[in-house]
């Protein structure tokens, strides 16, 4: 009898030489793409920060040397500091009011069965997605009709209009994951709506509420277009900086924008981490 010929392995059983390389190559490509995106987003901020320490008053290469004089001049710029404090006051008041309104709307949309809530929710979220110029002009015309003059009150109301949807959507996502039976049990045990909110709902949405407030503060503090139409003679910091740029560039602008960029990135990072931790805690609780 002749020896049996060796059986060839099926083609599918033979691993391709590049099979083990592909996952690593894809990972490298994904990281490279993400790096390019972040470079595109943050390179202007880095360039601005570098020039804020440049001795020369003109933004051009090569750099003239290292200095912190522009930050010293910023600290003694009364108009800039006043605009900074004014922006902080506007943002804080607008965020506090929006936290109350946004939480109320979130509870309404997630717990009520009334008709037309979808339409109402879309209308409340409309200012956030509406172009800034359209929203600014619309609010200006509406304020004139009801007798609100351009100024502090008009700016605060305008900021509340587009901050409330941010907080509402963040809190509503947390409420949708919250078990309604906990609230029903609290009501069955004799607690009223306010006590149920304080003891059951608020502890569960506290983290999301803080995260939404931080995002809202960042958006409010950096807003320019809507504020420009309703500010009148009182200028927030972004509007004040825009006015300075129209008159001529000063390296002090680089300094203040660098400070704002660092604070904004820090606040957004805190908000993102807070939301992520809240979701992980919710996931562990659901698994338990």
Protein backbone atom coordinates (compact mmCIF):
# COMPACT_ATOMS: atom_id res chain seq x y z
CA UNK A 1 0.00 0.00 0.00
CA UNK A 2 1.24 3.47 -0.80
CA UNK A 3 1.70 6.03 1.95
CA UNK A 4 -1.16 8.44 2.36
CA UNK A 5 -0.44 11.92 1.09
CA UNK A 6 -0.39 14.63 3.80
CA UNK A 7 -3.69 16.41 4.12
CA UNK A 8 -3.44 20.15 3.35
CA UNK A 9 -4.97 22.53 5.85
CA UNK A 10 -7.97 24.50 4.68
CA UNK A 11 -7.16 28.01 3.56
CA UNK A 12 -9.36 29.45 6.30
CA UNK A 13 -7.31 27.63 8.99
CA UNK A 14 -4.03 29.25 7.95
CA UNK A 15 -3.65 32.61 9.70
CA UNK A 16 -2.88 35.53 7.45
CA UNK A 17 0.50 37.13 8.16
CA UNK A 18 -1.13 40.50 8.78
CA UNK A 19 -3.96 39.16 10.97
CA UNK A 20 -2.08 39.87 14.18
CA UNK A 21 -0.87 43.25 12.96
CA UNK A 22 -4.24 44.67 11.99
CA UNK A 23 -5.62 45.37 15.51
CA UNK A 24 -2.42 47.18 16.49
CA UNK A 25 -2.33 49.12 13.24
CA UNK A 26 -5.94 50.15 13.66
CA UNK A 27 -5.25 51.27 17.22
CA UNK A 28 -2.29 53.35 16.10
CA UNK A 29 -4.32 54.88 13.28
CA UNK A 30 -7.16 55.72 15.67
CA UNK A 31 -4.76 57.33 18.14
CA UNK A 32 -3.09 59.29 15.35
CA UNK A 33 -6.45 60.53 14.09
CA UNK A 34 -7.51 61.52 17.62
CA UNK A 35 -4.19 63.30 18.07
CA UNK A 36 -4.71 65.29 14.87
CA UNK A 37 -8.21 66.28 15.98
CA UNK A 38 -6.96 67.46 19.37
CA UNK A 39 -4.08 69.28 17.69
CA UNK A 40 -6.52 71.04 15.39
CA UNK A 41 -8.71 72.06 18.34
CA UNK A 42 -6.06 73.09 20.85
CA UNK A 43 -3.14 74.31 18.72
CA UNK A 44 -4.59 77.87 18.52
CA UNK A 45 -4.90 77.93 22.32
CA UNK A 46 -1.30 76.79 22.72
CA UNK A 47 -0.07 79.42 20.25
CA UNK A 48 -2.04 82.10 22.08
CA UNK A 49 -0.60 80.97 25.42
CA UNK A 50 2.95 81.04 24.03
CA UNK A 51 2.55 84.58 22.70
CA UNK A 52 1.10 85.72 26.03
CA UNK A 53 4.62 85.24 27.44
CA UNK A 54 6.36 86.94 24.50
CA UNK A 55 8.16 90.23 25.14
CA UNK A 56 7.25 91.58 21.74
CA UNK A 57 3.95 93.41 21.30
CA UNK A 58 3.57 91.99 17.78
CA UNK A 59 2.52 88.38 17.28
CA UNK A 60 5.28 87.20 14.99
CA UNK A 61 8.16 84.78 15.00
CA UNK A 62 10.82 84.62 16.26
CA UNK A 63 9.77 85.31 19.85
CA UNK A 64 11.47 88.28 21.50
CA UNK A 65 11.93 86.59 24.87
CA UNK A 66 10.06 85.43 27.93
CA UNK A 67 8.07 87.85 30.09
CA UNK A 68 5.07 87.96 32.42
CA UNK A 69 4.53 91.70 31.96
CA UNK A 70 1.29 91.18 30.04
CA UNK A 71 -0.21 89.31 32.98
CA UNK A 72 0.93 92.10 35.31
CA UNK A 73 -0.74 94.67 33.06
CA UNK A 74 -3.85 92.50 33.00
CA UNK A 75 -4.01 92.52 36.80
CA UNK A 76 -3.92 96.35 36.73
CA UNK A 77 -6.38 96.78 33.85
CA UNK A 78 -9.47 98.14 35.61
CA UNK A 79 -11.77 97.88 32.60
CA UNK A 80 -10.80 94.26 31.98
CA UNK A 81 -11.26 93.28 35.64
CA UNK A 82 -14.64 95.03 35.78
CA UNK A 83 -15.77 93.15 32.66
CA UNK A 84 -14.52 89.89 34.21
CA UNK A 85 -16.49 90.44 37.43
CA UNK A 86 -19.55 91.51 35.43
CA UNK A 87 -19.39 88.29 33.38
CA UNK A 88 -19.03 86.23 36.54
CA UNK A 89 -22.08 87.91 38.08
CA UNK A 90 -24.17 87.32 34.97
CA UNK A 91 -23.14 83.68 34.67
CA UNK A 92 -23.66 82.84 38.36
CA UNK A 93 -27.15 84.36 38.49
CA UNK A 94 -28.15 82.79 35.17
CA UNK A 95 -26.87 79.35 36.22
CA UNK A 96 -28.65 79.43 39.59
CA UNK A 97 -31.98 80.31 37.97
CA UNK A 98 -31.41 77.77 35.19
CA UNK A 99 -30.67 75.03 37.74
CA UNK A 100 -34.08 75.58 39.32
CA UNK A 101 -35.93 75.87 36.00
CA UNK A 102 -34.02 73.05 34.30
CA UNK A 103 -34.61 70.65 37.20
CA UNK A 104 -38.30 71.49 37.27
CA UNK A 105 -38.69 70.92 33.54
CA UNK A 106 -36.69 67.68 33.73
CA UNK A 107 -39.02 66.33 36.43
CA UNK A 108 -42.04 67.44 34.44
CA UNK A 109 -40.91 65.73 31.23
CA UNK A 110 -39.82 62.47 32.89
CA UNK A 111 -42.62 62.05 35.44
CA UNK A 112 -45.70 63.63 33.89
CA UNK A 113 -48.02 62.02 31.34
CA UNK A 114 -49.52 65.26 30.06
CA UNK A 115 -50.14 65.67 26.35
CA UNK A 116 -47.93 67.98 24.35
CA UNK A 117 -44.84 67.56 26.54
CA UNK A 118 -42.73 66.59 23.54
CA UNK A 119 -43.61 69.84 21.82
CA UNK A 120 -42.93 71.83 24.98
CA UNK A 121 -39.58 70.10 25.42
CA UNK A 122 -38.61 70.94 21.84
CA UNK A 123 -39.58 74.58 22.35
CA UNK A 124 -37.50 74.84 25.52
CA UNK A 125 -34.49 73.28 23.80
CA UNK A 126 -34.84 75.50 20.73
CA UNK A 127 -32.78 78.48 22.06
CA UNK A 128 -29.78 76.20 22.58
CA UNK A 129 -29.68 75.03 18.95
CA UNK A 130 -30.84 78.30 17.40
CA UNK A 131 -28.13 80.42 15.69
CA UNK A 132 -26.81 83.05 18.08
CA UNK A 133 -27.56 85.97 15.79
CA UNK A 134 -31.17 84.87 15.31
CA UNK A 135 -31.66 84.32 19.03
CA UNK A 136 -30.02 87.63 19.92
CA UNK A 137 -32.13 89.69 17.54
CA UNK A 138 -35.31 87.84 18.54
CA UNK A 139 -34.68 88.46 22.24
CA UNK A 140 -33.83 92.11 21.59
CA UNK A 141 -37.12 92.66 19.78
CA UNK A 142 -39.05 90.75 22.45
CA UNK A 143 -37.40 92.76 25.25
CA UNK A 144 -38.35 96.02 23.56
CA UNK A 145 -41.96 94.91 23.34
CA UNK A 146 -42.18 94.14 27.08
CA UNK A 147 -40.11 97.10 28.21
CA UNK A 148 -36.83 95.42 29.22
CA UNK A 149 -33.93 97.68 28.36
CA UNK A 150 -30.57 96.28 27.19
CA UNK A 151 -28.38 95.69 30.21
CA UNK A 152 -27.86 93.32 33.10
CA UNK A 153 -31.41 91.96 33.31
CA UNK A 154 -31.63 91.42 29.55
CA UNK A 155 -28.29 89.56 29.50
CA UNK A 156 -29.28 87.32 32.40
CA UNK A 157 -32.65 86.44 30.84
CA UNK A 158 -30.98 85.75 27.49
CA UNK A 159 -28.42 83.44 29.11
CA UNK A 160 -31.12 81.63 31.06
CA UNK A 161 -32.87 80.92 27.76
CA UNK A 162 -30.00 78.79 26.42
CA UNK A 163 -28.54 77.48 29.71
CA UNK A 164 -31.81 75.97 30.97
CA UNK A 165 -31.97 73.37 28.15
CA UNK A 166 -28.41 72.21 28.96
CA UNK A 167 -29.22 71.55 32.60
CA UNK A 168 -32.64 70.14 31.73
CA UNK A 169 -31.26 67.48 29.36
CA UNK A 170 -28.44 66.46 31.73
CA UNK A 171 -30.81 66.08 34.70
CA UNK A 172 -33.50 64.39 32.60
CA UNK A 173 -31.04 61.66 31.57
CA UNK A 174 -30.40 60.87 35.23
CA UNK A 175 -34.09 60.95 36.11
CA UNK A 176 -34.91 58.49 33.33
CA UNK A 177 -32.52 55.99 34.93
CA UNK A 178 -33.96 56.55 38.41
CA UNK A 179 -36.52 53.98 39.60
CA UNK A 180 -39.89 55.76 40.00
CA UNK A 181 -40.92 53.20 42.63
CA UNK A 182 -38.60 54.91 45.10
CA UNK A 183 -40.60 58.12 44.79
CA UNK A 184 -43.88 56.22 45.00
CA UNK A 185 -42.70 54.45 48.15
CA UNK A 186 -41.77 57.79 49.70
CA UNK A 187 -45.22 59.19 48.90
CA UNK A 188 -46.91 56.03 50.28
CA UNK A 189 -45.03 56.50 53.55
CA UNK A 190 -46.54 59.95 53.95
CA UNK A 191 -43.85 62.21 52.50
CA UNK A 192 -45.10 65.12 50.41
CA UNK A 193 -43.70 66.16 47.04
CA UNK A 194 -41.13 68.56 48.52
CA UNK A 195 -39.89 66.05 51.06
CA UNK A 196 -39.73 63.34 48.42
CA UNK A 197 -37.69 65.63 46.21
CA UNK A 198 -35.32 66.56 49.05
CA UNK A 199 -34.79 63.03 50.34
CA UNK A 200 -35.14 60.84 47.24
CA UNK A 201 -34.80 62.76 43.97
CA UNK A 202 -32.20 65.42 44.82
CA UNK A 203 -29.55 63.03 46.22
CA UNK A 204 -29.86 60.98 43.02
CA UNK A 205 -29.59 63.91 40.60
CA UNK A 206 -27.13 66.03 42.58
CA UNK A 207 -24.08 64.97 40.58
CA UNK A 208 -25.80 65.49 37.23
CA UNK A 209 -27.13 68.85 38.39
CA UNK A 210 -23.63 70.02 39.32
CA UNK A 211 -22.23 68.78 36.00
CA UNK A 212 -24.96 70.59 34.06
CA UNK A 213 -24.36 73.76 36.07
CA UNK A 214 -20.64 73.68 35.29
CA UNK A 215 -21.32 73.24 31.58
CA UNK A 216 -23.91 76.01 31.70
CA UNK A 217 -21.49 78.37 33.44
CA UNK A 218 -18.82 77.71 30.81
CA UNK A 219 -21.23 78.36 27.95
CA UNK A 220 -22.60 81.50 29.61
CA UNK A 221 -19.21 82.95 30.47
CA UNK A 222 -17.85 82.51 26.91
CA UNK A 223 -20.99 83.63 25.04
CA UNK A 224 -20.55 86.61 22.69
CA UNK A 225 -23.15 86.82 19.92
CA UNK A 226 -26.39 86.82 21.92
CA UNK A 227 -24.86 89.02 24.61
CA UNK A 228 -23.74 91.56 22.03
CA UNK A 229 -27.32 92.26 20.96
CA UNK A 230 -28.79 92.62 24.46
CA UNK A 231 -25.89 94.09 26.46
CA UNK A 232 -26.31 97.76 25.62
CA UNK A 233 -23.52 99.84 27.18
CA UNK A 234 -22.71 97.19 29.79
CA UNK A 235 -20.21 94.70 28.44
CA UNK A 236 -19.34 91.22 29.56
CA UNK A 237 -15.74 90.09 29.24
CA UNK A 238 -16.09 88.39 25.80
CA UNK A 239 -17.86 91.45 24.37
CA UNK A 240 -15.24 93.74 25.93
CA UNK A 241 -12.43 91.69 24.36
CA UNK A 242 -14.18 91.76 20.99
CA UNK A 243 -14.40 95.57 21.26
CA UNK A 244 -10.69 95.80 22.07
CA UNK A 245 -9.82 93.69 19.03
CA UNK A 246 -11.75 96.07 16.80
CA UNK A 247 -9.68 99.00 18.11
CA UNK A 248 -6.33 97.25 17.86
CA UNK A 249 -4.62 94.15 19.20
CA UNK A 250 -2.93 94.12 22.59
CA UNK A 251 -0.95 91.18 24.06
CA UNK A 252 -3.01 91.64 27.23
CA UNK A 253 -5.82 89.97 25.26
CA UNK A 254 -3.61 86.90 24.88
CA UNK A 255 -3.13 86.83 28.64
CA UNK A 256 -6.82 87.05 29.56
CA UNK A 257 -7.83 84.58 26.85
CA UNK A 258 -5.22 82.12 28.10
CA UNK A 259 -6.64 82.38 31.62
CA UNK A 260 -10.20 81.91 30.31
CA UNK A 261 -9.16 78.93 28.17
CA UNK A 262 -7.48 77.20 31.12
CA UNK A 263 -10.50 77.78 33.38
CA UNK A 264 -12.95 76.66 30.66
CA UNK A 265 -11.05 73.46 29.90
CA UNK A 266 -10.80 72.73 33.62
CA UNK A 267 -14.53 73.24 34.15
CA UNK A 268 -15.49 71.09 31.16
CA UNK A 269 -13.09 68.37 32.34
CA UNK A 270 -14.59 68.45 35.83
CA UNK A 271 -18.08 68.26 34.39
CA UNK A 272 -17.19 65.34 32.08
CA UNK A 273 -15.48 63.40 34.86
CA UNK A 274 -18.42 64.05 37.19
CA UNK A 275 -20.92 62.73 34.63
CA UNK A 276 -18.73 59.69 33.91
CA UNK A 277 -18.45 58.86 37.61
CA UNK A 278 -22.19 59.26 38.00
CA UNK A 279 -22.80 56.78 35.16
CA UNK A 280 -20.32 54.28 36.63
CA UNK A 281 -21.94 54.56 40.03
CA UNK A 282 -25.36 54.08 38.44
CA UNK A 283 -24.08 51.04 36.55
CA UNK A 284 -22.64 49.45 39.69
CA UNK A 285 -25.86 50.12 41.53
CA UNK A 286 -27.89 48.50 38.75
CA UNK A 287 -25.57 45.49 38.67
CA UNK A 288 -25.91 45.09 42.41
